[in-house]
C-alpha atoms as a PDB file:
ATOM      1  CA  MET A   1    -144.972   3.759-110.937  1.00  0.00           C
ATOM      2  CA  GLY A   2    -144.888   5.059-114.461  1.00  0.00           C
ATOM      3  CA  TRP A   3    -143.035   3.626-117.458  1.00  0.00           C
ATOM      4  CA  GLY A   4    -140.103   6.036-116.966  1.00  0.00           C
ATOM      5  CA  THR A   5    -139.571   4.795-113.428  1.00  0.00           C
ATOM      6  CA  LYS A   6    -139.870   1.194-114.560  1.00  0.00           C
ATOM      7  CA  ALA A   7    -137.222   1.800-117.240  1.00  0.00           C
ATOM      8  CA  VAL A   8    -134.787   3.270-114.693  1.00  0.00           C
ATOM      9  CA  LEU A   9    -135.378   0.397-112.268  1.00  0.00           C
ATOM     10  CA  ARG A  10    -134.842  -2.165-115.024  1.00  0.00           C
ATOM     11  CA  LEU A  11    -131.510  -0.543-115.913  1.00  0.00           C
ATOM     12  CA  CYS A  12    -130.462  -0.272-112.254  1.00  0.00           C
ATOM     13  CA  LYS A  13    -130.956  -4.017-111.791  1.00  0.00           C
ATOM     14  CA  THR A  14    -128.016  -4.540-114.175  1.00  0.00           C
ATOM     15  CA  ILE A  15    -125.572  -2.524-112.036  1.00  0.00           C
ATOM     16  CA  LYS A  16    -122.914  -4.841-110.629  1.00  0.00           C
ATOM     17  CA  ASN A  17    -121.275  -2.390-108.216  1.00  0.00           C
ATOM     18  CA  MET A  18    -124.047  -1.078-105.975  1.00  0.00           C
ATOM     19  CA  ALA A  19    -121.757   1.580-104.491  1.00  0.00           C
ATOM     20  CA  CYS A  20    -122.667   4.090-107.175  1.00  0.00           C
ATOM     21  CA  VAL A  21    -124.759   7.154-107.938  1.00  0.00           C
ATOM     22  CA  VAL A  22    -127.345   7.218-110.705  1.00  0.00           C
ATOM     23  CA  TYR A  23    -128.158  10.595-112.275  1.00  0.00           C
ATOM     24  CA  PHE A  24    -131.292  11.314-114.304  1.00  0.00           C
ATOM     25  CA  ASP A  25    -133.225  14.280-115.663  1.00  0.00           C
ATOM     26  CA  ASN A  26    -136.599  15.637-114.599  1.00  0.00           C
ATOM     27  CA  PHE A  27    -138.561  13.342-116.914  1.00  0.00           C
ATOM     28  CA  TYR A  28    -137.525  10.288-114.873  1.00  0.00           C
ATOM     29  CA  THR A  29    -137.166  11.814-111.408  1.00  0.00           C
ATOM     30  CA  SER A  30    -139.700  11.034-108.699  1.00  0.00           C
ATOM     31  CA  LEU A  31    -139.237  11.083-104.945  1.00  0.00           C
ATOM     32  CA  GLU A  32    -140.788   7.623-104.769  1.00  0.00           C
ATOM     33  CA  MET A  33    -138.157   6.219-107.143  1.00  0.00           C
ATOM     34  CA  ILE A  34    -135.248   7.901-105.345  1.00  0.00           C
ATOM     35  CA  HIS A  35    -136.432   6.402-102.064  1.00  0.00           C
ATOM     36  CA  TYR A  36    -136.985   2.975-103.639  1.00  0.00           C
ATOM     37  CA  LEU A  37    -133.523   2.892-105.230  1.00  0.00           C
ATOM     38  CA  GLY A  38    -131.918   3.701-101.893  1.00  0.00           C
ATOM     39  CA  GLU A  39    -133.947   1.301 -99.796  1.00  0.00           C
ATOM     40  CA  SER A  40    -134.144  -1.653-102.173  1.00  0.00           C
ATOM     41  CA  TYR A  41    -130.850  -1.499-104.061  1.00  0.00           C
ATOM     42  CA  GLY A  42    -128.605   0.691-101.907  1.00  0.00           C
ATOM     43  CA  ILE A  43    -128.123   2.981-104.902  1.00  0.00           C
ATOM     44  CA  PHE A  44    -127.779   6.713-104.371  1.00  0.00           C
ATOM     45  CA  SER A  45    -129.488   8.837-106.999  1.00  0.00           C
ATOM     46  CA  LEU A  46    -129.750  12.459-107.998  1.00  0.00           C
ATOM     47  CA  GLY A  47    -132.111  14.167-110.398  1.00  0.00           C
ATOM     48  CA  THR A  48    -133.878  17.417-111.069  1.00  0.00           C
ATOM     49  CA  ILE A  49    -137.582  17.550-110.358  1.00  0.00           C
ATOM     50  CA  ARG A  50    -140.393  19.532-111.902  1.00  0.00           C
ATOM     51  CA  THR A  51    -142.307  21.829-109.564  1.00  0.00           C
ATOM     52  CA  ASN A  52    -145.569  20.984-111.325  1.00  0.00           C
ATOM     53  CA  ARG A  53    -145.420  17.294-110.361  1.00  0.00           C
ATOM     54  CA  HIS A  54    -148.281  16.380-108.057  1.00  0.00           C
ATOM     55  CA  THR A  55    -146.032  14.494-105.607  1.00  0.00           C
ATOM     56  CA  ILE A  56    -143.746  17.469-104.990  1.00  0.00           C
ATOM     57  CA  LYS A  57    -146.658  19.790-104.191  1.00  0.00           C
ATOM     58  CA  THR A  58    -147.743  17.617-101.279  1.00  0.00           C
ATOM     59  CA  ILE A  59    -144.252  17.789 -99.752  1.00  0.00           C
ATOM     60  CA  MET A  60    -143.123  21.302-100.684  1.00  0.00           C
ATOM     61  CA  PRO A  61    -145.998  23.649-101.548  1.00  0.00           C
ATOM     62  CA  VAL A  62    -144.977  26.188-104.187  1.00  0.00           C
END
């Protein structure tokens, strides 16, 4: 995980009410992080994603 993902995860650890949605822009968005937030913290998240990210090309070829 990159430093952007680590920053988001560090901030999400401070959330008291886990029944929430975290929104972020395409700089921080990764499918790995969205999955991790849901599985590990029970936090729903939403963000835009860049089509030139290497992880998105393996799931949804452009």
